[in-house]
Amino acid sequence: MLKKGTFLYFYEDLDENSQIPRHIWAIENHVMLCKWVKSGNLENQYQITNRYTIWKSSDLERYRILDISPESYEQAGLTGLVTIGNVR
């Protein structure tokens, strides 16, 4: 079971050239994700939005879980910005 605050991206959200997600998502609950978009400051930094989507956690072949450091989780909660590691 995936928990609230877990970050992921859908394979369809990968930029074709760079293979870096155009945006990422954070799990809000078992049916809702919150969208995070590139912040413009760094290639791998994203900021929270007020956009949500419905999802099915059982569609495992559609997404990949991101490995976010504890420091990045803390940063996300305080600033609304998260830095992700290499997704390639």
C-alpha atoms as a PDB file:
ATOM      1  CA  MET A   1       0.000   0.000   0.000  1.00  0.00           C
ATOM      2  CA  LEU A   2       1.391   3.365  -1.027  1.00  0.00           C
ATOM      3  CA  LYS A   3       1.143   6.093   1.578  1.00  0.00           C
ATOM      4  CA  LYS A   4       0.225   9.762   1.485  1.00  0.00           C
ATOM      5  CA  GLY A   5       3.078  11.987   0.399  1.00  0.00           C
ATOM      6  CA  THR A   6       4.715   9.389  -1.860  1.00  0.00           C
ATOM      7  CA  PHE A   7       5.898  11.005  -5.087  1.00  0.00           C
ATOM      8  CA  LEU A   8       5.533   9.358  -8.475  1.00  0.00           C
ATOM      9  CA  TYR A   9       5.380  10.109 -12.160  1.00  0.00           C
ATOM     10  CA  PHE A  10       3.416   8.579 -14.989  1.00  0.00           C
ATOM     11  CA  TYR A  11       5.496   7.254 -17.874  1.00  0.00           C
ATOM     12  CA  GLU A  12       3.347   9.312 -20.251  1.00  0.00           C
ATOM     13  CA  ASP A  13       4.565  12.478 -18.444  1.00  0.00           C
ATOM     14  CA  LEU A  14       8.204  11.934 -19.427  1.00  0.00           C
ATOM     15  CA  ASP A  15       9.703  14.488 -21.790  1.00  0.00           C
ATOM     16  CA  GLU A  16      10.589  12.625 -24.991  1.00  0.00           C
ATOM     17  CA  ASN A  17      14.012  14.278 -25.347  1.00  0.00           C
ATOM     18  CA  SER A  18      15.324  14.466 -21.788  1.00  0.00           C
ATOM     19  CA  GLN A  19      13.365  11.587 -20.213  1.00  0.00           C
ATOM     20  CA  ILE A  20      12.717  13.862 -17.224  1.00  0.00           C
ATOM     21  CA  PRO A  21       9.116  14.157 -15.990  1.00  0.00           C
ATOM     22  CA  ARG A  22       7.339  17.338 -17.112  1.00  0.00           C
ATOM     23  CA  HIS A  23       5.484  17.134 -13.806  1.00  0.00           C
ATOM     24  CA  ILE A  24       5.206  14.734 -10.884  1.00  0.00           C
ATOM     25  CA  TRP A  25       2.437  13.738  -8.504  1.00  0.00           C
ATOM     26  CA  ALA A  26       2.117  13.255  -4.740  1.00  0.00           C
ATOM     27  CA  ILE A  27      -0.354  10.793  -3.283  1.00  0.00           C
ATOM     28  CA  GLU A  28      -3.105  12.507  -1.287  1.00  0.00           C
ATOM     29  CA  ASN A  29      -5.174   9.395  -0.624  1.00  0.00           C
ATOM     30  CA  HIS A  30      -6.163   6.101  -2.241  1.00  0.00           C
ATOM     31  CA  VAL A  31      -7.919   7.838  -5.174  1.00  0.00           C
ATOM     32  CA  MET A  32      -6.376  11.320  -5.463  1.00  0.00           C
ATOM     33  CA  LEU A  33      -3.010  12.745  -6.542  1.00  0.00           C
ATOM     34  CA  CYS A  34      -1.721  16.323  -6.266  1.00  0.00           C
ATOM     35  CA  LYS A  35       0.221  17.745  -9.242  1.00  0.00           C
ATOM     36  CA  TRP A  36       3.704  19.272  -8.850  1.00  0.00           C
ATOM     37  CA  VAL A  37       5.204  21.226 -11.786  1.00  0.00           C
ATOM     38  CA  LYS A  38       8.771  22.223 -12.608  1.00  0.00           C
ATOM     39  CA  SER A  39       9.755  25.266 -10.606  1.00  0.00           C
ATOM     40  CA  GLY A  40      11.991  26.745 -13.290  1.00  0.00           C
ATOM     41  CA  ASN A  41      14.918  27.105 -10.893  1.00  0.00           C
ATOM     42  CA  LEU A  42      16.459  23.665 -11.293  1.00  0.00           C
ATOM     43  CA  GLU A  43      15.860  20.867 -13.789  1.00  0.00           C
ATOM     44  CA  ASN A  44      14.861  18.460 -11.025  1.00  0.00           C
ATOM     45  CA  GLN A  45      12.925  20.832  -8.718  1.00  0.00           C
ATOM     46  CA  TYR A  46       9.129  20.903  -8.635  1.00  0.00           C
ATOM     47  CA  GLN A  47       6.558  23.055  -6.858  1.00  0.00           C
ATOM     48  CA  ILE A  48       3.119  22.132  -5.595  1.00  0.00           C
ATOM     49  CA  THR A  49      -0.032  23.222  -7.439  1.00  0.00           C
ATOM     50  CA  ASN A  50      -3.712  23.212  -6.584  1.00  0.00           C
ATOM     51  CA  ARG A  51      -4.411  20.655  -9.328  1.00  0.00           C
ATOM     52  CA  TYR A  52      -5.594  17.140  -8.536  1.00  0.00           C
ATOM     53  CA  THR A  53      -6.413  14.016 -10.475  1.00  0.00           C
ATOM     54  CA  ILE A  54      -8.036  10.700  -9.733  1.00  0.00           C
ATOM     55  CA  TRP A  55      -5.924   7.571 -10.046  1.00  0.00           C
ATOM     56  CA  LYS A  56      -5.935   3.812  -9.565  1.00  0.00           C
ATOM     57  CA  SER A  57      -3.004   2.583  -7.525  1.00  0.00           C
ATOM     58  CA  SER A  58      -3.430  -0.850  -9.080  1.00  0.00           C
ATOM     59  CA  ASP A  59      -2.288   0.474 -12.504  1.00  0.00           C
ATOM     60  CA  LEU A  60       1.331  -0.275 -11.623  1.00  0.00           C
ATOM     61  CA  GLU A  61       2.502  -0.381 -15.234  1.00  0.00           C
ATOM     62  CA  ARG A  62       1.530   3.298 -15.750  1.00  0.00           C
ATOM     63  CA  TYR A  63       3.757   4.946 -13.126  1.00  0.00           C
ATOM     64  CA  ARG A  64       7.048   4.842 -11.270  1.00  0.00           C
ATOM     65  CA  ILE A  65       7.597   5.703  -7.616  1.00  0.00           C
ATOM     66  CA  LEU A  66      10.260   8.366  -7.018  1.00  0.00           C
ATOM     67  CA  ASP A  67      12.899   7.873  -4.364  1.00  0.00           C
ATOM     68  CA  ILE A  68      12.844  11.162  -2.433  1.00  0.00           C
ATOM     69  CA  SER A  69      15.363  11.857   0.328  1.00  0.00           C
ATOM     70  CA  PRO A  70      14.090  12.671   3.835  1.00  0.00           C
ATOM     71  CA  GLU A  71      15.543  16.172   3.436  1.00  0.00           C
ATOM     72  CA  SER A  72      13.528  16.714   0.247  1.00  0.00           C
ATOM     73  CA  TYR A  73      10.330  15.536   1.985  1.00  0.00           C
ATOM     74  CA  GLU A  74      10.958  18.047   4.751  1.00  0.00           C
ATOM     75  CA  GLN A  75      11.683  20.796   2.200  1.00  0.00           C
ATOM     76  CA  ALA A  76       8.450  19.962   0.354  1.00  0.00           C
ATOM     77  CA  GLY A  77       6.383  20.351   3.506  1.00  0.00           C
ATOM     78  CA  LEU A  78       7.968  23.671   4.456  1.00  0.00           C
ATOM     79  CA  THR A  79       8.402  25.409   1.096  1.00  0.00           C
ATOM     80  CA  GLY A  80       6.132  23.658  -1.406  1.00  0.00           C
ATOM     81  CA  LEU A  81       9.249  22.716  -3.401  1.00  0.00           C
ATOM     82  CA  VAL A  82      10.714  19.242  -3.825  1.00  0.00           C
ATOM     83  CA  THR A  83      13.967  18.175  -5.459  1.00  0.00           C
ATOM     84  CA  ILE A  84      14.069  14.743  -7.026  1.00  0.00           C
ATOM     85  CA  GLY A  85      17.090  12.621  -7.839  1.00  0.00           C
ATOM     86  CA  ASN A  86      17.991  11.148 -11.184  1.00  0.00           C
ATOM     87  CA  VAL A  87      14.974   9.437 -12.773  1.00  0.00           C
ATOM     88  CA  ARG A  88      16.802   7.841 -15.701  1.00  0.00           C
END
